[in-house]
Amino acid sequence: TAQSIPAAASGKQSSRKGRRLIHRIRRADGPERIEAEWWRAAEEPRDYYRVEDEAGERFWVYRAGLYRPGASPRWFMHGMFG
């Protein structure tokens, strides 16, 4: 899993922690919301972002669920771009 600061969504400077490394996010694109098909059991929607760190590494991360008062968003790294 990865922990991310929601500021990446607004284009503000932020960081992402994954595999015990901290990446300073330089750029973020998104969100792109993906939800389950209507015939499947209700699942939380995912908001996907493409982010790039200061070293030029690019990642695909998502936030599980919607923002709710009193609840912290859960962030995950879905993959890396080559």
PDB file of N, CA and C in Angstrom:
ATOM      1  N   THR A   1       0.838  -1.191   0.000  1.00  0.00           N
ATOM      2  CA  THR A   1       0.000   0.000   0.000  1.00  0.00           C
ATOM      3  C   THR A   1       0.872   1.238   0.000  1.00  0.00           C
ATOM      4  N   ALA A   2       0.284   2.323  -0.337  1.00  0.00           N
ATOM      5  CA  ALA A   2       0.995   3.598  -0.341  1.00  0.00           C
ATOM      6  C   ALA A   2       0.161   4.618   0.398  1.00  0.00           C
ATOM      7  N   GLN A   3       0.806   5.532   1.076  1.00  0.00           N
ATOM      8  CA  GLN A   3       0.114   6.613   1.753  1.00  0.00           C
ATOM      9  C   GLN A   3       0.389   7.872   0.957  1.00  0.00           C
ATOM     10  N   SER A   4      -0.645   8.637   0.700  1.00  0.00           N
ATOM     11  CA  SER A   4      -0.478   9.831  -0.095  1.00  0.00           C
ATOM     12  C   SER A   4      -1.230  10.983   0.535  1.00  0.00           C
ATOM     13  N   ILE A   5      -0.725  12.168   0.325  1.00  0.00           N
ATOM     14  CA  ILE A   5      -1.388  13.369   0.808  1.00  0.00           C
ATOM     15  C   ILE A   5      -2.340  13.838  -0.286  1.00  0.00           C
ATOM     16  N   PRO A   6      -3.608  14.097   0.037  1.00  0.00           N
ATOM     17  CA  PRO A   6      -4.582  14.475  -0.982  1.00  0.00           C
ATOM     18  C   PRO A   6      -4.231  15.722  -1.764  1.00  0.00           C
ATOM     19  N   ALA A   7      -3.245  16.486  -1.346  1.00  0.00           N
ATOM     20  CA  ALA A   7      -2.863  17.684  -2.084  1.00  0.00           C
ATOM     21  C   ALA A   7      -2.443  17.355  -3.507  1.00  0.00           C
ATOM     22  N   ALA A   8      -2.010  16.139  -3.764  1.00  0.00           N
ATOM     23  CA  ALA A   8      -1.632  15.755  -5.125  1.00  0.00           C
ATOM     24  C   ALA A   8      -2.786  15.960  -6.079  1.00  0.00           C
ATOM     25  N   ALA A   9      -3.997  15.768  -5.594  1.00  0.00           N
ATOM     26  CA  ALA A   9      -5.175  15.937  -6.440  1.00  0.00           C
ATOM     27  C   ALA A   9      -5.373  17.387  -6.845  1.00  0.00           C
ATOM     28  N   SER A  10      -4.947  18.317  -6.009  1.00  0.00           N
ATOM     29  CA  SER A  10      -5.146  19.723  -6.319  1.00  0.00           C
ATOM     30  C   SER A  10      -3.934  20.354  -6.979  1.00  0.00           C
ATOM     31  N   GLY A  11      -2.884  19.565  -7.220  1.00  0.00           N
ATOM     32  CA  GLY A  11      -1.696  20.082  -7.871  1.00  0.00           C
ATOM     33  C   GLY A  11      -0.709  20.719  -6.914  1.00  0.00           C
ATOM     34  N   LYS A  12      -0.995  20.711  -5.623  1.00  0.00           N
ATOM     35  CA  LYS A  12      -0.074  21.271  -4.646  1.00  0.00           C
ATOM     36  C   LYS A  12       1.063  20.293  -4.384  1.00  0.00           C
ATOM     37  N   GLN A  13       2.161  20.788  -3.855  1.00  0.00           N
ATOM     38  CA  GLN A  13       3.301  19.929  -3.524  1.00  0.00           C
ATOM     39  C   GLN A  13       2.899  18.921  -2.464  1.00  0.00           C
ATOM     40  N   SER A  14       3.251  17.684  -2.651  1.00  0.00           N
ATOM     41  CA  SER A  14       2.900  16.650  -1.691  1.00  0.00           C
ATOM     42  C   SER A  14       3.934  15.540  -1.752  1.00  0.00           C
ATOM     43  N   SER A  15       3.699  14.507  -0.980  1.00  0.00           N
ATOM     44  CA  SER A  15       4.626  13.383  -0.989  1.00  0.00           C
ATOM     45  C   SER A  15       3.848  12.083  -0.943  1.00  0.00           C
ATOM     46  N   ARG A  16       4.522  11.004  -1.317  1.00  0.00           N
ATOM     47  CA  ARG A  16       3.930   9.680  -1.306  1.00  0.00           C
ATOM     48  C   ARG A  16       4.930   8.748  -0.660  1.00  0.00           C
ATOM     49  N   LYS A  17       4.443   7.894   0.213  1.00  0.00           N
ATOM     50  CA  LYS A  17       5.324   6.962   0.893  1.00  0.00           C
ATOM     51  C   LYS A  17       4.957   5.552   0.445  1.00  0.00           C
ATOM     52  N   GLY A  18       5.938   4.813  -0.031  1.00  0.00           N
ATOM     53  CA  GLY A  18       5.703   3.444  -0.453  1.00  0.00           C
ATOM     54  C   GLY A  18       6.999   2.673  -0.374  1.00  0.00           C
ATOM     55  N   ARG A  19       6.935   1.433   0.058  1.00  0.00           N
ATOM     56  CA  ARG A  19       8.133   0.606   0.208  1.00  0.00           C
ATOM     57  C   ARG A  19       9.209   1.316   1.015  1.00  0.00           C
ATOM     58  N   ARG A  20       8.776   2.023   2.031  1.00  0.00           N
ATOM     59  CA  ARG A  20       9.667   2.741   2.949  1.00  0.00           C
ATOM     60  C   ARG A  20      10.431   3.883   2.279  1.00  0.00           C
ATOM     61  N   LEU A  21      10.004   4.317   1.105  1.00  0.00           N
ATOM     62  CA  LEU A  21      10.616   5.453   0.428  1.00  0.00           C
ATOM     63  C   LEU A  21       9.612   6.592   0.389  1.00  0.00           C
ATOM     64  N   ILE A  22      10.113   7.803   0.460  1.00  0.00           N
ATOM     65  CA  ILE A  22       9.253   8.971   0.341  1.00  0.00           C
ATOM     66  C   ILE A  22       9.564   9.641  -0.989  1.00  0.00           C
ATOM     67  N   HIS A  23       8.524   9.827  -1.795  1.00  0.00           N
ATOM     68  CA  HIS A  23       8.657  10.474  -3.097  1.00  0.00           C
ATOM     69  C   HIS A  23       7.960  11.826  -3.036  1.00  0.00           C
ATOM     70  N   ARG A  24       8.662  12.890  -3.417  1.00  0.00           N
ATOM     71  CA  ARG A  24       8.037  14.208  -3.479  1.00  0.00           C
ATOM     72  C   ARG A  24       7.342  14.322  -4.833  1.00  0.00           C
ATOM     73  N   ILE A  25       6.026  14.521  -4.787  1.00  0.00           N
ATOM     74  CA  ILE A  25       5.220  14.568  -5.989  1.00  0.00           C
ATOM     75  C   ILE A  25       5.382  15.927  -6.663  1.00  0.00           C
ATOM     76  N   ARG A  26       5.747  15.874  -7.945  1.00  0.00           N
ATOM     77  CA  ARG A  26       5.931  17.100  -8.725  1.00  0.00           C
ATOM     78  C   ARG A  26       4.673  17.426  -9.523  1.00  0.00           C
ATOM     79  N   ARG A  27       3.995  16.391 -10.029  1.00  0.00           N
ATOM     80  CA  ARG A  27       2.848  16.618 -10.898  1.00  0.00           C
ATOM     81  C   ARG A  27       1.837  15.491 -10.697  1.00  0.00           C
ATOM     82  N   ALA A  28       0.560  15.835 -10.811  1.00  0.00           N
ATOM     83  CA  ALA A  28      -0.501  14.830 -10.679  1.00  0.00           C
ATOM     84  C   ALA A  28      -1.604  15.137 -11.681  1.00  0.00           C
ATOM     85  N   ASP A  29      -2.141  14.090 -12.303  1.00  0.00           N
ATOM     86  CA  ASP A  29      -3.280  14.197 -13.207  1.00  0.00           C
ATOM     87  C   ASP A  29      -4.385  13.305 -12.677  1.00  0.00           C
ATOM     88  N   GLY A  30      -5.588  13.802 -12.704  1.00  0.00           N
ATOM     89  CA  GLY A  30      -6.727  13.010 -12.254  1.00  0.00           C
ATOM     90  C   GLY A  30      -7.681  13.891 -11.484  1.00  0.00           C
ATOM     91  N   PRO A  31      -8.695  13.328 -10.926  1.00  0.00           N
ATOM     92  CA  PRO A  31      -8.939  11.894 -10.807  1.00  0.00           C
ATOM     93  C   PRO A  31      -9.713  11.331 -11.999  1.00  0.00           C
ATOM     94  N   GLU A  32      -9.633  10.029 -12.131  1.00  0.00           N
ATOM     95  CA  GLU A  32     -10.479   9.273 -13.042  1.00  0.00           C
ATOM     96  C   GLU A  32     -11.209   8.264 -12.160  1.00  0.00           C
ATOM     97  N   ARG A  33     -12.507   8.438 -12.029  1.00  0.00           N
ATOM     98  CA  ARG A  33     -13.282   7.577 -11.127  1.00  0.00           C
ATOM     99  C   ARG A  33     -13.688   6.289 -11.834  1.00  0.00           C
ATOM    100  N   ILE A  34     -13.450   5.173 -11.162  1.00  0.00           N
ATOM    101  CA  ILE A  34     -13.844   3.863 -11.670  1.00  0.00           C
ATOM    102  C   ILE A  34     -14.704   3.205 -10.608  1.00  0.00           C
ATOM    103  N   GLU A  35     -15.898   2.784 -11.028  1.00  0.00           N
ATOM    104  CA  GLU A  35     -16.830   2.131 -10.105  1.00  0.00           C
ATOM    105  C   GLU A  35     -17.179   0.746 -10.628  1.00  0.00           C
ATOM    106  N   ALA A  36     -17.677  -0.092  -9.743  1.00  0.00           N
ATOM    107  CA  ALA A  36     -18.085  -1.442 -10.119  1.00  0.00           C
ATOM    108  C   ALA A  36     -19.305  -1.385 -11.039  1.00  0.00           C
ATOM    109  N   GLU A  37     -19.496  -2.443 -11.818  1.00  0.00           N
ATOM    110  CA  GLU A  37     -20.660  -2.536 -12.687  1.00  0.00           C
ATOM    111  C   GLU A  37     -21.931  -2.573 -11.850  1.00  0.00           C
ATOM    112  N   TRP A  38     -23.011  -2.134 -12.415  1.00  0.00           N
ATOM    113  CA  TRP A  38     -24.254  -2.008 -11.655  1.00  0.00           C
ATOM    114  C   TRP A  38     -24.765  -3.349 -11.138  1.00  0.00           C
ATOM    115  N   TRP A  39     -24.446  -4.447 -11.826  1.00  0.00           N
ATOM    116  CA  TRP A  39     -24.963  -5.754 -11.408  1.00  0.00           C
ATOM    117  C   TRP A  39     -24.117  -6.420 -10.323  1.00  0.00           C
ATOM    118  N   ARG A  40     -22.965  -5.861 -10.005  1.00  0.00           N
ATOM    119  CA  ARG A  40     -22.120  -6.424  -8.952  1.00  0.00           C
ATOM    120  C   ARG A  40     -22.510  -5.862  -7.595  1.00  0.00           C
ATOM    121  N   ALA A  41     -22.050  -6.541  -6.566  1.00  0.00           N
ATOM    122  CA  ALA A  41     -22.283  -6.045  -5.204  1.00  0.00           C
ATOM    123  C   ALA A  41     -21.664  -4.653  -5.065  1.00  0.00           C
ATOM    124  N   ALA A  42     -22.257  -3.866  -4.219  1.00  0.00           N
ATOM    125  CA  ALA A  42     -21.764  -2.493  -4.025  1.00  0.00           C
ATOM    126  C   ALA A  42     -20.317  -2.508  -3.525  1.00  0.00           C
ATOM    127  N   GLU A  43     -19.449  -1.818  -4.237  1.00  0.00           N
ATOM    128  CA  GLU A  43     -18.048  -1.662  -3.846  1.00  0.00           C
ATOM    129  C   GLU A  43     -17.740  -0.177  -3.802  1.00  0.00           C
ATOM    130  N   GLU A  44     -16.732   0.190  -3.044  1.00  0.00           N
ATOM    131  CA  GLU A  44     -16.346   1.597  -2.982  1.00  0.00           C
ATOM    132  C   GLU A  44     -15.753   2.022  -4.321  1.00  0.00           C
ATOM    133  N   PRO A  45     -16.070   3.235  -4.780  1.00  0.00           N
ATOM    134  CA  PRO A  45     -15.447   3.720  -6.009  1.00  0.00           C
ATOM    135  C   PRO A  45     -13.965   4.001  -5.776  1.00  0.00           C
ATOM    136  N   ARG A  46     -13.199   4.012  -6.849  1.00  0.00           N
ATOM    137  CA  ARG A  46     -11.775   4.339  -6.781  1.00  0.00           C
ATOM    138  C   ARG A  46     -11.506   5.554  -7.657  1.00  0.00           C
ATOM    139  N   ASP A  47     -10.754   6.504  -7.124  1.00  0.00           N
ATOM    140  CA  ASP A  47     -10.308   7.661  -7.891  1.00  0.00           C
ATOM    141  C   ASP A  47      -8.837   7.458  -8.207  1.00  0.00           C
ATOM    142  N   TYR A  48      -8.526   7.306  -9.500  1.00  0.00           N
ATOM    143  CA  TYR A  48      -7.154   7.039  -9.947  1.00  0.00           C
ATOM    144  C   TYR A  48      -6.455   8.346 -10.344  1.00  0.00           C
ATOM    145  N   TYR A  49      -5.164   8.405 -10.020  1.00  0.00           N
ATOM    146  CA  TYR A  49      -4.319   9.550 -10.370  1.00  0.00           C
ATOM    147  C   TYR A  49      -3.022   9.037 -10.980  1.00  0.00           C
ATOM    148  N   ARG A  50      -2.518   9.767 -11.953  1.00  0.00           N
ATOM    149  CA  ARG A  50      -1.173   9.522 -12.489  1.00  0.00           C
ATOM    150  C   ARG A  50      -0.283  10.591 -11.868  1.00  0.00           C
ATOM    151  N   VAL A  51       0.733  10.178 -11.139  1.00  0.00           N
ATOM    152  CA  VAL A  51       1.606  11.127 -10.454  1.00  0.00           C
ATOM    153  C   VAL A  51       3.053  10.929 -10.900  1.00  0.00           C
ATOM    154  N   GLU A  52       3.811  11.997 -10.819  1.00  0.00           N
ATOM    155  CA  GLU A  52       5.238  11.967 -11.160  1.00  0.00           C
ATOM    156  C   GLU A  52       6.007  12.608 -10.022  1.00  0.00           C
ATOM    157  N   ASP A  53       7.096  11.964  -9.597  1.00  0.00           N
ATOM    158  CA  ASP A  53       7.886  12.528  -8.505  1.00  0.00           C
ATOM    159  C   ASP A  53       8.998  13.415  -9.053  1.00  0.00           C
ATOM    160  N   GLU A  54       9.763  14.023  -8.161  1.00  0.00           N
ATOM    161  CA  GLU A  54      10.829  14.941  -8.565  1.00  0.00           C
ATOM    162  C   GLU A  54      11.922  14.267  -9.375  1.00  0.00           C
ATOM    163  N   ALA A  55      12.080  12.944  -9.243  1.00  0.00           N
ATOM    164  CA  ALA A  55      13.098  12.203  -9.996  1.00  0.00           C
ATOM    165  C   ALA A  55      12.583  11.782 -11.373  1.00  0.00           C
ATOM    166  N   GLY A  56      11.323  12.081 -11.688  1.00  0.00           N
ATOM    167  CA  GLY A  56      10.752  11.727 -12.978  1.00  0.00           C
ATOM    168  C   GLY A  56      10.090  10.355 -13.010  1.00  0.00           C
ATOM    169  N   GLU A  57      10.049   9.661 -11.869  1.00  0.00           N
ATOM    170  CA  GLU A  57       9.370   8.368 -11.821  1.00  0.00           C
ATOM    171  C   GLU A  57       7.864   8.608 -11.828  1.00  0.00           C
ATOM    172  N   ARG A  58       7.144   7.752 -12.564  1.00  0.00           N
ATOM    173  CA  ARG A  58       5.694   7.917 -12.688  1.00  0.00           C
ATOM    174  C   ARG A  58       4.978   6.720 -12.082  1.00  0.00           C
ATOM    175  N   PHE A  59       3.885   7.021 -11.361  1.00  0.00           N
ATOM    176  CA  PHE A  59       3.125   6.012 -10.647  1.00  0.00           C
ATOM    177  C   PHE A  59       1.642   6.178 -10.946  1.00  0.00           C
ATOM    178  N   TRP A  60       0.916   5.093 -10.780  1.00  0.00           N
ATOM    179  CA  TRP A  60      -0.532   5.099 -10.884  1.00  0.00           C
ATOM    180  C   TRP A  60      -1.061   4.759  -9.502  1.00  0.00           C
ATOM    181  N   VAL A  61      -1.712   5.706  -8.846  1.00  0.00           N
ATOM    182  CA  VAL A  61      -2.205   5.513  -7.486  1.00  0.00           C
ATOM    183  C   VAL A  61      -3.717   5.716  -7.467  1.00  0.00           C
ATOM    184  N   TYR A  62      -4.368   5.157  -6.456  1.00  0.00           N
ATOM    185  CA  TYR A  62      -5.795   5.400  -6.321  1.00  0.00           C
ATOM    186  C   TYR A  62      -6.188   5.578  -4.867  1.00  0.00           C
ATOM    187  N   ARG A  63      -7.277   6.312  -4.722  1.00  0.00           N
ATOM    188  CA  ARG A  63      -7.876   6.513  -3.412  1.00  0.00           C
ATOM    189  C   ARG A  63      -9.127   5.650  -3.368  1.00  0.00           C
ATOM    190  N   ALA A  64      -9.238   4.808  -2.358  1.00  0.00           N
ATOM    191  CA  ALA A  64     -10.404   3.937  -2.217  1.00  0.00           C
ATOM    192  C   ALA A  64     -11.482   4.660  -1.428  1.00  0.00           C
ATOM    193  N   GLY A  65     -12.684   4.676  -1.951  1.00  0.00           N
ATOM    194  CA  GLY A  65     -13.812   5.290  -1.263  1.00  0.00           C
ATOM    195  C   GLY A  65     -13.890   6.790  -1.473  1.00  0.00           C
ATOM    196  N   LEU A  66     -14.963   7.337  -1.002  1.00  0.00           N
ATOM    197  CA  LEU A  66     -15.212   8.770  -1.119  1.00  0.00           C
ATOM    198  C   LEU A  66     -14.759   9.481   0.148  1.00  0.00           C
ATOM    199  N   TYR A  67     -14.539  10.795   0.024  1.00  0.00           N
ATOM    200  CA  TYR A  67     -14.218  11.577   1.216  1.00  0.00           C
ATOM    201  C   TYR A  67     -15.448  11.633   2.108  1.00  0.00           C
ATOM    202  N   ARG A  68     -15.237  11.391   3.386  1.00  0.00           N
ATOM    203  CA  ARG A  68     -16.321  11.462   4.361  1.00  0.00           C
ATOM    204  C   ARG A  68     -15.801  12.193   5.597  1.00  0.00           C
ATOM    205  N   PRO A  69     -16.648  12.990   6.217  1.00  0.00           N
ATOM    206  CA  PRO A  69     -16.219  13.677   7.445  1.00  0.00           C
ATOM    207  C   PRO A  69     -15.749  12.671   8.497  1.00  0.00           C
ATOM    208  N   GLY A  70     -14.597  12.918   9.061  1.00  0.00           N
ATOM    209  CA  GLY A  70     -14.064  12.071  10.110  1.00  0.00           C
ATOM    210  C   GLY A  70     -13.372  10.802   9.639  1.00  0.00           C
ATOM    211  N   ALA A  71     -13.329  10.568   8.335  1.00  0.00           N
ATOM    212  CA  ALA A  71     -12.681   9.358   7.808  1.00  0.00           C
ATOM    213  C   ALA A  71     -11.462   9.751   6.989  1.00  0.00           C
ATOM    214  N   SER A  72     -10.377   9.046   7.186  1.00  0.00           N
ATOM    215  CA  SER A  72      -9.166   9.300   6.414  1.00  0.00           C
ATOM    216  C   SER A  72      -9.219   8.500   5.111  1.00  0.00           C
ATOM    217  N   PRO A  73      -8.871   9.124   3.978  1.00  0.00           N
ATOM    218  CA  PRO A  73      -8.872   8.378   2.723  1.00  0.00           C
ATOM    219  C   PRO A  73      -7.782   7.311   2.731  1.00  0.00           C
ATOM    220  N   ARG A  74      -8.030   6.221   2.054  1.00  0.00           N
ATOM    221  CA  ARG A  74      -7.036   5.146   1.940  1.00  0.00           C
ATOM    222  C   ARG A  74      -6.452   5.184   0.540  1.00  0.00           C
ATOM    223  N   TRP A  75      -5.122   5.280   0.461  1.00  0.00           N
ATOM    224  CA  TRP A  75      -4.408   5.398  -0.805  1.00  0.00           C
ATOM    225  C   TRP A  75      -3.601   4.128  -1.050  1.00  0.00           C
ATOM    226  N   PHE A  76      -3.533   3.738  -2.341  1.00  0.00           N
ATOM    227  CA  PHE A  76      -2.788   2.543  -2.753  1.00  0.00           C
ATOM    228  C   PHE A  76      -2.042   2.817  -4.048  1.00  0.00           C
ATOM    229  N   MET A  77      -0.918   2.167  -4.219  1.00  0.00           N
ATOM    230  CA  MET A  77      -0.210   2.252  -5.495  1.00  0.00           C
ATOM    231  C   MET A  77      -0.686   1.102  -6.365  1.00  0.00           C
ATOM    232  N   HIS A  78      -1.212   1.443  -7.528  1.00  0.00           N
ATOM    233  CA  HIS A  78      -1.731   0.437  -8.445  1.00  0.00           C
ATOM    234  C   HIS A  78      -0.627  -0.084  -9.361  1.00  0.00           C
ATOM    235  N   GLY A  79       0.327   0.794  -9.706  1.00  0.00           N
ATOM    236  CA  GLY A  79       1.412   0.366 -10.573  1.00  0.00           C
ATOM    237  C   GLY A  79       2.390   1.485 -10.858  1.00  0.00           C
ATOM    238  N   MET A  80       3.408   1.142 -11.639  1.00  0.00           N
ATOM    239  CA  MET A  80       4.440   2.103 -12.034  1.00  0.00           C
ATOM    240  C   MET A  80       4.486   2.149 -13.555  1.00  0.00           C
ATOM    241  N   PHE A  81       4.837   3.301 -14.098  1.00  0.00           N
ATOM    242  CA  PHE A  81       5.005   3.448 -15.537  1.00  0.00           C
ATOM    243  C   PHE A  81       6.486   3.363 -15.863  1.00  0.00           C
ATOM    244  N   GLY A  82       6.808   2.756 -16.972  1.00  0.00           N
ATOM    245  CA  GLY A  82       8.208   2.586 -17.364  1.00  0.00           C
ATOM    246  C   GLY A  82       8.756   3.732 -18.161  1.00  0.00           C
TER     247      GLY A  82
END
